[in-house]
Amino acid sequence: PFARILEISGHKELQVRVTAGGKKDKLVNLEGLVQRLNMLTGCQVMFTFQLPQSSDIEKALKESEKKHEISLCVEVRFLLEVLRQCRVLDLTVYQVYDYWCG
């Protein structure tokens, strides 16, 4: 791949929100995943979080073990490679924000 994005809307960094897990009965090794993402050039995990998937408290707690949201700070020039690696790592890319207030 020879394409490279240099800038988006005047910004050199973007916020990318990805999700790990959420697949049937598949637990996520969040610590290992965060390590792998932080090793990618131009990518830094800013924080992880979980959202309840159900109004039933017991079910929500059980499901929360499976699905994790991850917020990344990505340098624009490495965006395409980070997106490729998200696919390799079986992550779902939910949003790419064209700003970063970091």
PDB file of N, CA and C in Angstrom:
ATOM      1  N   PRO A   1       0.820  -1.199   0.000  1.00  0.00           N
ATOM      2  CA  PRO A   1       0.000   0.000   0.000  1.00  0.00           C
ATOM      3  C   PRO A   1       0.863   1.262   0.000  1.00  0.00           C
ATOM      4  N   PHE A   2       0.678   2.067  -1.004  1.00  0.00           N
ATOM      5  CA  PHE A   2       1.496   3.259  -1.149  1.00  0.00           C
ATOM      6  C   PHE A   2       0.735   4.538  -0.844  1.00  0.00           C
ATOM      7  N   ALA A   3      -0.554   4.440  -0.585  1.00  0.00           N
ATOM      8  CA  ALA A   3      -1.351   5.629  -0.287  1.00  0.00           C
ATOM      9  C   ALA A   3      -1.089   6.075   1.142  1.00  0.00           C
ATOM     10  N   ARG A   4      -1.064   7.371   1.328  1.00  0.00           N
ATOM     11  CA  ARG A   4      -0.875   7.921   2.665  1.00  0.00           C
ATOM     12  C   ARG A   4      -1.674   9.222   2.762  1.00  0.00           C
ATOM     13  N   ILE A   5      -2.438   9.354   3.819  1.00  0.00           N
ATOM     14  CA  ILE A   5      -3.198  10.573   4.083  1.00  0.00           C
ATOM     15  C   ILE A   5      -2.315  11.460   4.942  1.00  0.00           C
ATOM     16  N   LEU A   6      -2.193  12.717   4.588  1.00  0.00           N
ATOM     17  CA  LEU A   6      -1.316  13.622   5.327  1.00  0.00           C
ATOM     18  C   LEU A   6      -2.069  14.497   6.327  1.00  0.00           C
ATOM     19  N   GLU A   7      -3.314  14.841   5.987  1.00  0.00           N
ATOM     20  CA  GLU A   7      -4.051  15.775   6.827  1.00  0.00           C
ATOM     21  C   GLU A   7      -5.549  15.611   6.565  1.00  0.00           C
ATOM     22  N   ILE A   8      -6.350  15.772   7.606  1.00  0.00           N
ATOM     23  CA  ILE A   8      -7.802  15.756   7.454  1.00  0.00           C
ATOM     24  C   ILE A   8      -8.343  16.974   8.189  1.00  0.00           C
ATOM     25  N   SER A   9      -9.027  17.834   7.461  1.00  0.00           N
ATOM     26  CA  SER A   9      -9.618  19.057   8.031  1.00  0.00           C
ATOM     27  C   SER A   9      -8.603  19.866   8.815  1.00  0.00           C
ATOM     28  N   GLY A  10      -7.358  19.875   8.372  1.00  0.00           N
ATOM     29  CA  GLY A  10      -6.319  20.655   9.039  1.00  0.00           C
ATOM     30  C   GLY A  10      -5.740  19.988  10.275  1.00  0.00           C
ATOM     31  N   HIS A  11      -6.153  18.775  10.582  1.00  0.00           N
ATOM     32  CA  HIS A  11      -5.689  18.076  11.779  1.00  0.00           C
ATOM     33  C   HIS A  11      -4.679  16.997  11.432  1.00  0.00           C
ATOM     34  N   LYS A  12      -3.741  16.789  12.314  1.00  0.00           N
ATOM     35  CA  LYS A  12      -2.735  15.749  12.126  1.00  0.00           C
ATOM     36  C   LYS A  12      -2.999  14.525  13.003  1.00  0.00           C
ATOM     37  N   GLU A  13      -3.969  14.640  13.914  1.00  0.00           N
ATOM     38  CA  GLU A  13      -4.374  13.515  14.760  1.00  0.00           C
ATOM     39  C   GLU A  13      -5.883  13.376  14.702  1.00  0.00           C
ATOM     40  N   LEU A  14      -6.351  12.146  14.837  1.00  0.00           N
ATOM     41  CA  LEU A  14      -7.774  11.847  14.828  1.00  0.00           C
ATOM     42  C   LEU A  14      -8.123  10.993  16.033  1.00  0.00           C
ATOM     43  N   GLN A  15      -9.375  11.004  16.392  1.00  0.00           N
ATOM     44  CA  GLN A  15      -9.865  10.075  17.400  1.00  0.00           C
ATOM     45  C   GLN A  15     -10.607   8.974  16.650  1.00  0.00           C
ATOM     46  N   VAL A  16     -10.237   7.736  16.918  1.00  0.00           N
ATOM     47  CA  VAL A  16     -10.879   6.581  16.288  1.00  0.00           C
ATOM     48  C   VAL A  16     -11.474   5.724  17.401  1.00  0.00           C
ATOM     49  N   ARG A  17     -12.757   5.417  17.269  1.00  0.00           N
ATOM     50  CA  ARG A  17     -13.420   4.573  18.264  1.00  0.00           C
ATOM     51  C   ARG A  17     -13.649   3.195  17.673  1.00  0.00           C
ATOM     52  N   VAL A  18     -13.123   2.185  18.364  1.00  0.00           N
ATOM     53  CA  VAL A  18     -13.269   0.810  17.908  1.00  0.00           C
ATOM     54  C   VAL A  18     -13.902  -0.029  19.010  1.00  0.00           C
ATOM     55  N   THR A  19     -14.450  -1.164  18.621  1.00  0.00           N
ATOM     56  CA  THR A  19     -15.052  -2.086  19.576  1.00  0.00           C
ATOM     57  C   THR A  19     -14.409  -3.451  19.423  1.00  0.00           C
ATOM     58  N   ALA A  20     -14.084  -4.033  20.563  1.00  0.00           N
ATOM     59  CA  ALA A  20     -13.534  -5.394  20.603  1.00  0.00           C
ATOM     60  C   ALA A  20     -14.577  -6.289  21.241  1.00  0.00           C
ATOM     61  N   GLY A  21     -14.745  -7.449  20.689  1.00  0.00           N
ATOM     62  CA  GLY A  21     -15.679  -8.409  21.270  1.00  0.00           C
ATOM     63  C   GLY A  21     -17.092  -8.178  20.798  1.00  0.00           C
ATOM     64  N   GLY A  22     -18.022  -8.628  21.631  1.00  0.00           N
ATOM     65  CA  GLY A  22     -19.422  -8.510  21.268  1.00  0.00           C
ATOM     66  C   GLY A  22     -19.900  -9.693  20.447  1.00  0.00           C
ATOM     67  N   LYS A  23     -18.969 -10.588  20.122  1.00  0.00           N
ATOM     68  CA  LYS A  23     -19.340 -11.778  19.379  1.00  0.00           C
ATOM     69  C   LYS A  23     -19.741 -12.856  20.372  1.00  0.00           C
ATOM     70  N   LYS A  24     -20.582 -13.747  19.955  1.00  0.00           N
ATOM     71  CA  LYS A  24     -21.127 -14.781  20.850  1.00  0.00           C
ATOM     72  C   LYS A  24     -20.057 -15.511  21.632  1.00  0.00           C
ATOM     73  N   ASP A  25     -20.198 -15.475  22.945  1.00  0.00           N
ATOM     74  CA  ASP A  25     -19.359 -16.260  23.866  1.00  0.00           C
ATOM     75  C   ASP A  25     -17.862 -16.098  23.645  1.00  0.00           C
ATOM     76  N   LYS A  26     -17.435 -14.970  23.104  1.00  0.00           N
ATOM     77  CA  LYS A  26     -16.006 -14.746  22.883  1.00  0.00           C
ATOM     78  C   LYS A  26     -15.524 -13.661  23.843  1.00  0.00           C
ATOM     79  N   LEU A  27     -14.672 -14.050  24.795  1.00  0.00           N
ATOM     80  CA  LEU A  27     -14.115 -13.078  25.735  1.00  0.00           C
ATOM     81  C   LEU A  27     -12.917 -12.385  25.096  1.00  0.00           C
ATOM     82  N   VAL A  28     -12.666 -11.169  25.512  1.00  0.00           N
ATOM     83  CA  VAL A  28     -11.593 -10.361  24.942  1.00  0.00           C
ATOM     84  C   VAL A  28     -10.446 -10.249  25.934  1.00  0.00           C
ATOM     85  N   ASN A  29      -9.222 -10.440  25.459  1.00  0.00           N
ATOM     86  CA  ASN A  29      -8.032 -10.178  26.266  1.00  0.00           C
ATOM     87  C   ASN A  29      -7.713  -8.700  26.072  1.00  0.00           C
ATOM     88  N   LEU A  30      -8.376  -7.857  26.858  1.00  0.00           N
ATOM     89  CA  LEU A  30      -8.272  -6.409  26.672  1.00  0.00           C
ATOM     90  C   LEU A  30      -6.845  -5.911  26.886  1.00  0.00           C
ATOM     91  N   GLU A  31      -6.170  -6.411  27.902  1.00  0.00           N
ATOM     92  CA  GLU A  31      -4.802  -5.961  28.185  1.00  0.00           C
ATOM     93  C   GLU A  31      -3.867  -6.255  27.006  1.00  0.00           C
ATOM     94  N   GLY A  32      -3.967  -7.456  26.458  1.00  0.00           N
ATOM     95  CA  GLY A  32      -3.133  -7.819  25.309  1.00  0.00           C
ATOM     96  C   GLY A  32      -3.469  -7.000  24.080  1.00  0.00           C
ATOM     97  N   LEU A  33      -4.748  -6.725  23.883  1.00  0.00           N
ATOM     98  CA  LEU A  33      -5.194  -5.930  22.743  1.00  0.00           C
ATOM     99  C   LEU A  33      -4.687  -4.494  22.844  1.00  0.00           C
ATOM    100  N   VAL A  34      -4.775  -3.916  24.039  1.00  0.00           N
ATOM    101  CA  VAL A  34      -4.282  -2.554  24.258  1.00  0.00           C
ATOM    102  C   VAL A  34      -2.778  -2.493  23.975  1.00  0.00           C
ATOM    103  N   GLN A  35      -2.046  -3.494  24.421  1.00  0.00           N
ATOM    104  CA  GLN A  35      -0.600  -3.549  24.152  1.00  0.00           C
ATOM    105  C   GLN A  35      -0.322  -3.570  22.654  1.00  0.00           C
ATOM    106  N   ARG A  36      -1.044  -4.413  21.931  1.00  0.00           N
ATOM    107  CA  ARG A  36      -0.833  -4.521  20.478  1.00  0.00           C
ATOM    108  C   ARG A  36      -1.168  -3.216  19.768  1.00  0.00           C
ATOM    109  N   LEU A  37      -2.253  -2.566  20.179  1.00  0.00           N
ATOM    110  CA  LEU A  37      -2.623  -1.292  19.558  1.00  0.00           C
ATOM    111  C   LEU A  37      -1.580  -0.218  19.847  1.00  0.00           C
ATOM    112  N   ASN A  38      -1.076  -0.178  21.070  1.00  0.00           N
ATOM    113  CA  ASN A  38      -0.057   0.815  21.425  1.00  0.00           C
ATOM    114  C   ASN A  38       1.263   0.580  20.695  1.00  0.00           C
ATOM    115  N   MET A  39       1.478  -0.626  20.211  1.00  0.00           N
ATOM    116  CA  MET A  39       2.706  -0.922  19.461  1.00  0.00           C
ATOM    117  C   MET A  39       2.631  -0.461  18.008  1.00  0.00           C
ATOM    118  N   LEU A  40       1.415  -0.157  17.528  1.00  0.00           N
ATOM    119  CA  LEU A  40       1.266   0.313  16.153  1.00  0.00           C
ATOM    120  C   LEU A  40       1.826   1.729  16.035  1.00  0.00           C
ATOM    121  N   THR A  41       2.581   1.971  15.001  1.00  0.00           N
ATOM    122  CA  THR A  41       3.144   3.306  14.769  1.00  0.00           C
ATOM    123  C   THR A  41       2.022   4.322  14.584  1.00  0.00           C
ATOM    124  N   GLY A  42       2.097   5.410  15.329  1.00  0.00           N
ATOM    125  CA  GLY A  42       1.127   6.496  15.198  1.00  0.00           C
ATOM    126  C   GLY A  42      -0.192   6.250  15.898  1.00  0.00           C
ATOM    127  N   CYS A  43      -0.249   5.246  16.756  1.00  0.00           N
ATOM    128  CA  CYS A  43      -1.505   4.893  17.443  1.00  0.00           C
ATOM    129  C   CYS A  43      -1.270   4.832  18.939  1.00  0.00           C
ATOM    130  N   GLN A  44      -2.173   5.446  19.698  1.00  0.00           N
ATOM    131  CA  GLN A  44      -2.087   5.399  21.152  1.00  0.00           C
ATOM    132  C   GLN A  44      -3.487   5.191  21.727  1.00  0.00           C
ATOM    133  N   VAL A  45      -3.627   4.180  22.569  1.00  0.00           N
ATOM    134  CA  VAL A  45      -4.900   3.958  23.254  1.00  0.00           C
ATOM    135  C   VAL A  45      -5.047   5.042  24.319  1.00  0.00           C
ATOM    136  N   MET A  46      -6.146   5.771  24.255  1.00  0.00           N
ATOM    137  CA  MET A  46      -6.380   6.846  25.211  1.00  0.00           C
ATOM    138  C   MET A  46      -7.168   6.333  26.420  1.00  0.00           C
ATOM    139  N   PHE A  47      -8.194   5.527  26.160  1.00  0.00           N
ATOM    140  CA  PHE A  47      -8.965   4.932  27.245  1.00  0.00           C
ATOM    141  C   PHE A  47      -9.859   3.831  26.680  1.00  0.00           C
ATOM    142  N   THR A  48     -10.341   2.982  27.597  1.00  0.00           N
ATOM    143  CA  THR A  48     -11.297   1.937  27.232  1.00  0.00           C
ATOM    144  C   THR A  48     -12.529   2.108  28.113  1.00  0.00           C
ATOM    145  N   PHE A  49     -13.650   1.649  27.623  1.00  0.00           N
ATOM    146  CA  PHE A  49     -14.871   1.734  28.419  1.00  0.00           C
ATOM    147  C   PHE A  49     -15.863   0.680  27.941  1.00  0.00           C
ATOM    148  N   GLN A  50     -16.899   0.503  28.737  1.00  0.00           N
ATOM    149  CA  GLN A  50     -17.953  -0.433  28.396  1.00  0.00           C
ATOM    150  C   GLN A  50     -19.302   0.234  28.588  1.00  0.00           C
ATOM    151  N   LEU A  51     -20.230  -0.100  27.725  1.00  0.00           N
ATOM    152  CA  LEU A  51     -21.588   0.412  27.818  1.00  0.00           C
ATOM    153  C   LEU A  51     -22.524  -0.752  28.118  1.00  0.00           C
ATOM    154  N   PRO A  52     -23.524  -0.541  28.961  1.00  0.00           N
ATOM    155  CA  PRO A  52     -24.471  -1.630  29.237  1.00  0.00           C
ATOM    156  C   PRO A  52     -25.231  -1.990  27.959  1.00  0.00           C
ATOM    157  N   GLN A  53     -25.422  -3.277  27.754  1.00  0.00           N
ATOM    158  CA  GLN A  53     -26.108  -3.753  26.558  1.00  0.00           C
ATOM    159  C   GLN A  53     -27.562  -4.132  26.837  1.00  0.00           C
ATOM    160  N   SER A  54     -27.970  -4.037  28.107  1.00  0.00           N
ATOM    161  CA  SER A  54     -29.306  -4.462  28.492  1.00  0.00           C
ATOM    162  C   SER A  54     -29.742  -3.693  29.731  1.00  0.00           C
ATOM    163  N   SER A  55     -31.048  -3.539  29.892  1.00  0.00           N
ATOM    164  CA  SER A  55     -31.544  -2.890  31.109  1.00  0.00           C
ATOM    165  C   SER A  55     -31.601  -3.878  32.278  1.00  0.00           C
ATOM    166  N   ASP A  56     -31.483  -5.159  31.976  1.00  0.00           N
ATOM    167  CA  ASP A  56     -31.423  -6.198  33.000  1.00  0.00           C
ATOM    168  C   ASP A  56     -30.005  -6.201  33.575  1.00  0.00           C
ATOM    169  N   ILE A  57     -29.845  -5.835  34.847  1.00  0.00           N
ATOM    170  CA  ILE A  57     -28.518  -5.642  35.449  1.00  0.00           C
ATOM    171  C   ILE A  57     -27.658  -6.890  35.360  1.00  0.00           C
ATOM    172  N   GLU A  58     -28.195  -8.046  35.690  1.00  0.00           N
ATOM    173  CA  GLU A  58     -27.400  -9.278  35.644  1.00  0.00           C
ATOM    174  C   GLU A  58     -26.933  -9.590  34.222  1.00  0.00           C
ATOM    175  N   LYS A  59     -27.837  -9.442  33.290  1.00  0.00           N
ATOM    176  CA  LYS A  59     -27.485  -9.699  31.880  1.00  0.00           C
ATOM    177  C   LYS A  59     -26.446  -8.685  31.388  1.00  0.00           C
ATOM    178  N   ALA A  60     -26.621  -7.433  31.776  1.00  0.00           N
ATOM    179  CA  ALA A  60     -25.678  -6.388  31.358  1.00  0.00           C
ATOM    180  C   ALA A  60     -24.282  -6.663  31.895  1.00  0.00           C
ATOM    181  N   LEU A  61     -24.170  -7.075  33.149  1.00  0.00           N
ATOM    182  CA  LEU A  61     -22.864  -7.385  33.726  1.00  0.00           C
ATOM    183  C   LEU A  61     -22.216  -8.575  33.026  1.00  0.00           C
ATOM    184  N   LYS A  62     -22.995  -9.569  32.709  1.00  0.00           N
ATOM    185  CA  LYS A  62     -22.488 -10.749  32.010  1.00  0.00           C
ATOM    186  C   LYS A  62     -22.003 -10.376  30.601  1.00  0.00           C
ATOM    187  N   GLU A  63     -22.787  -9.585  29.885  1.00  0.00           N
ATOM    188  CA  GLU A  63     -22.443  -9.181  28.530  1.00  0.00           C
ATOM    189  C   GLU A  63     -21.248  -8.224  28.501  1.00  0.00           C
ATOM    190  N   SER A  64     -21.090  -7.413  29.559  1.00  0.00           N
ATOM    191  CA  SER A  64     -20.021  -6.418  29.560  1.00  0.00           C
ATOM    192  C   SER A  64     -18.639  -7.055  29.573  1.00  0.00           C
ATOM    193  N   GLU A  65     -18.556  -8.322  29.953  1.00  0.00           N
ATOM    194  CA  GLU A  65     -17.275  -9.019  29.918  1.00  0.00           C
ATOM    195  C   GLU A  65     -16.832  -9.289  28.482  1.00  0.00           C
ATOM    196  N   LYS A  66     -17.752  -9.204  27.555  1.00  0.00           N
ATOM    197  CA  LYS A  66     -17.467  -9.592  26.176  1.00  0.00           C
ATOM    198  C   LYS A  66     -17.196  -8.418  25.233  1.00  0.00           C
ATOM    199  N   LYS A  67     -17.696  -7.233  25.533  1.00  0.00           N
ATOM    200  CA  LYS A  67     -17.603  -6.122  24.583  1.00  0.00           C
ATOM    201  C   LYS A  67     -16.923  -4.914  25.223  1.00  0.00           C
ATOM    202  N   HIS A  68     -15.890  -4.407  24.567  1.00  0.00           N
ATOM    203  CA  HIS A  68     -15.124  -3.268  25.076  1.00  0.00           C
ATOM    204  C   HIS A  68     -14.996  -2.199  23.996  1.00  0.00           C
ATOM    205  N   GLU A  69     -15.228  -0.970  24.382  1.00  0.00           N
ATOM    206  CA  GLU A  69     -15.019   0.179  23.496  1.00  0.00           C
ATOM    207  C   GLU A  69     -13.613   0.706  23.758  1.00  0.00           C
ATOM    208  N   ILE A  70     -12.915   1.084  22.689  1.00  0.00           N
ATOM    209  CA  ILE A  70     -11.543   1.574  22.817  1.00  0.00           C
ATOM    210  C   ILE A  70     -11.421   2.871  22.030  1.00  0.00           C
ATOM    211  N   SER A  71     -10.902   3.907  22.685  1.00  0.00           N
ATOM    212  CA  SER A  71     -10.679   5.189  22.029  1.00  0.00           C
ATOM    213  C   SER A  71      -9.201   5.321  21.706  1.00  0.00           C
ATOM    214  N   LEU A  72      -8.911   5.587  20.437  1.00  0.00           N
ATOM    215  CA  LEU A  72      -7.532   5.694  19.965  1.00  0.00           C
ATOM    216  C   LEU A  72      -7.231   7.108  19.495  1.00  0.00           C
ATOM    217  N   CYS A  73      -6.021   7.555  19.735  1.00  0.00           N
ATOM    218  CA  CYS A  73      -5.499   8.762  19.110  1.00  0.00           C
ATOM    219  C   CYS A  73      -4.589   8.275  17.987  1.00  0.00           C
ATOM    220  N   VAL A  74      -4.915   8.646  16.753  1.00  0.00           N
ATOM    221  CA  VAL A  74      -4.176   8.143  15.593  1.00  0.00           C
ATOM    222  C   VAL A  74      -3.634   9.320  14.785  1.00  0.00           C
ATOM    223  N   GLU A  75      -2.339   9.267  14.506  1.00  0.00           N
ATOM    224  CA  GLU A  75      -1.758  10.267  13.605  1.00  0.00           C
ATOM    225  C   GLU A  75      -2.325  10.014  12.212  1.00  0.00           C
ATOM    226  N   VAL A  76      -2.792  11.084  11.561  1.00  0.00           N
ATOM    227  CA  VAL A  76      -3.457  10.959  10.266  1.00  0.00           C
ATOM    228  C   VAL A  76      -2.614  10.181   9.260  1.00  0.00           C
ATOM    229  N   ARG A  77      -1.314  10.420   9.234  1.00  0.00           N
ATOM    230  CA  ARG A  77      -0.474   9.755   8.222  1.00  0.00           C
ATOM    231  C   ARG A  77      -0.392   8.248   8.424  1.00  0.00           C
ATOM    232  N   PHE A  78      -0.807   7.742   9.589  1.00  0.00           N
ATOM    233  CA  PHE A  78      -0.804   6.298   9.845  1.00  0.00           C
ATOM    234  C   PHE A  78      -2.214   5.717   9.899  1.00  0.00           C
ATOM    235  N   LEU A  79      -3.220   6.519   9.567  1.00  0.00           N
ATOM    236  CA  LEU A  79      -4.611   6.085   9.682  1.00  0.00           C
ATOM    237  C   LEU A  79      -4.900   4.821   8.884  1.00  0.00           C
ATOM    238  N   LEU A  80      -4.499   4.773   7.638  1.00  0.00           N
ATOM    239  CA  LEU A  80      -4.823   3.614   6.806  1.00  0.00           C
ATOM    240  C   LEU A  80      -4.228   2.331   7.372  1.00  0.00           C
ATOM    241  N   GLU A  81      -3.001   2.384   7.843  1.00  0.00           N
ATOM    242  CA  GLU A  81      -2.370   1.192   8.418  1.00  0.00           C
ATOM    243  C   GLU A  81      -3.053   0.774   9.714  1.00  0.00           C
ATOM    244  N   VAL A  82      -3.444   1.734  10.529  1.00  0.00           N
ATOM    245  CA  VAL A  82      -4.145   1.406  11.775  1.00  0.00           C
ATOM    246  C   VAL A  82      -5.487   0.746  11.453  1.00  0.00           C
ATOM    247  N   LEU A  83      -6.206   1.261  10.454  1.00  0.00           N
ATOM    248  CA  LEU A  83      -7.479   0.651  10.058  1.00  0.00           C
ATOM    249  C   LEU A  83      -7.270  -0.773   9.548  1.00  0.00           C
ATOM    250  N   ARG A  84      -6.203  -0.988   8.790  1.00  0.00           N
ATOM    251  CA  ARG A  84      -5.892  -2.355   8.323  1.00  0.00           C
ATOM    252  C   ARG A  84      -5.626  -3.283   9.500  1.00  0.00           C
ATOM    253  N   GLN A  85      -4.883  -2.804  10.467  1.00  0.00           N
ATOM    254  CA  GLN A  85      -4.553  -3.628  11.632  1.00  0.00           C
ATOM    255  C   GLN A  85      -5.792  -3.890  12.498  1.00  0.00           C
ATOM    256  N   CYS A  86      -6.714  -2.946  12.550  1.00  0.00           N
ATOM    257  CA  CYS A  86      -7.966  -3.172  13.280  1.00  0.00           C
ATOM    258  C   CYS A  86      -8.709  -4.351  12.669  1.00  0.00           C
ATOM    259  N   ARG A  87      -8.668  -4.447  11.368  1.00  0.00           N
ATOM    260  CA  ARG A  87      -9.313  -5.581  10.691  1.00  0.00           C
ATOM    261  C   ARG A  87      -8.622  -6.895  11.059  1.00  0.00           C
ATOM    262  N   VAL A  88      -7.291  -6.879  11.057  1.00  0.00           N
ATOM    263  CA  VAL A  88      -6.514  -8.064  11.428  1.00  0.00           C
ATOM    264  C   VAL A  88      -6.824  -8.484  12.866  1.00  0.00           C
ATOM    265  N   LEU A  89      -6.981  -7.504  13.752  1.00  0.00           N
ATOM    266  CA  LEU A  89      -7.242  -7.763  15.172  1.00  0.00           C
ATOM    267  C   LEU A  89      -8.722  -8.041  15.461  1.00  0.00           C
ATOM    268  N   ASP A  90      -9.538  -8.085  14.412  1.00  0.00           N
ATOM    269  CA  ASP A  90     -10.971  -8.364  14.528  1.00  0.00           C
ATOM    270  C   ASP A  90     -11.694  -7.301  15.346  1.00  0.00           C
ATOM    271  N   LEU A  91     -11.301  -6.035  15.152  1.00  0.00           N
ATOM    272  CA  LEU A  91     -11.955  -4.906  15.806  1.00  0.00           C
ATOM    273  C   LEU A  91     -12.961  -4.273  14.848  1.00  0.00           C
ATOM    274  N   THR A  92     -14.037  -3.763  15.385  1.00  0.00           N
ATOM    275  CA  THR A  92     -15.011  -3.036  14.580  1.00  0.00           C
ATOM    276  C   THR A  92     -14.732  -1.549  14.733  1.00  0.00           C
ATOM    277  N   VAL A  93     -14.538  -0.851  13.630  1.00  0.00           N
ATOM    278  CA  VAL A  93     -14.320   0.600  13.661  1.00  0.00           C
ATOM    279  C   VAL A  93     -15.691   1.256  13.617  1.00  0.00           C
ATOM    280  N   TYR A  94     -16.022   2.006  14.676  1.00  0.00           N
ATOM    281  CA  TYR A  94     -17.330   2.655  14.757  1.00  0.00           C
ATOM    282  C   TYR A  94     -17.305   4.093  14.278  1.00  0.00           C
ATOM    283  N   GLN A  95     -16.291   4.841  14.660  1.00  0.00           N
ATOM    284  CA  GLN A  95     -16.253   6.246  14.276  1.00  0.00           C
ATOM    285  C   GLN A  95     -14.820   6.716  14.113  1.00  0.00           C
ATOM    286  N   VAL A  96     -14.651   7.623  13.166  1.00  0.00           N
ATOM    287  CA  VAL A  96     -13.387   8.334  13.015  1.00  0.00           C
ATOM    288  C   VAL A  96     -13.743   9.806  13.101  1.00  0.00           C
ATOM    289  N   TYR A  97     -13.273  10.453  14.157  1.00  0.00           N
ATOM    290  CA  TYR A  97     -13.556  11.874  14.377  1.00  0.00           C
ATOM    291  C   TYR A  97     -12.433  12.694  13.757  1.00  0.00           C
ATOM    292  N   ASP A  98     -12.779  13.774  13.084  1.00  0.00           N
ATOM    293  CA  ASP A  98     -11.752  14.584  12.430  1.00  0.00           C
ATOM    294  C   ASP A  98     -11.178  15.659  13.352  1.00  0.00           C
ATOM    295  N   TYR A  99     -11.256  15.414  14.623  1.00  0.00           N
ATOM    296  CA  TYR A  99     -10.652  16.330  15.588  1.00  0.00           C
ATOM    297  C   TYR A  99     -10.136  15.538  16.772  1.00  0.00           C
ATOM    298  N   TRP A 100      -9.235  16.126  17.476  1.00  0.00           N
ATOM    299  CA  TRP A 100      -8.731  15.504  18.693  1.00  0.00           C
ATOM    300  C   TRP A 100      -8.421  16.619  19.673  1.00  0.00           C
ATOM    301  N   CYS A 101      -9.027  16.575  20.820  1.00  0.00           N
ATOM    302  CA  CYS A 101      -8.791  17.602  21.828  1.00  0.00           C
ATOM    303  C   CYS A 101      -7.835  17.054  22.874  1.00  0.00           C
ATOM    304  N   GLY A 102      -6.642  16.678  22.463  1.00  0.00           N
ATOM    305  CA  GLY A 102      -5.720  16.042  23.383  1.00  0.00           C
ATOM    306  C   GLY A 102      -4.557  16.918  23.734  1.00  0.00           C
TER     307      GLY A 102
END
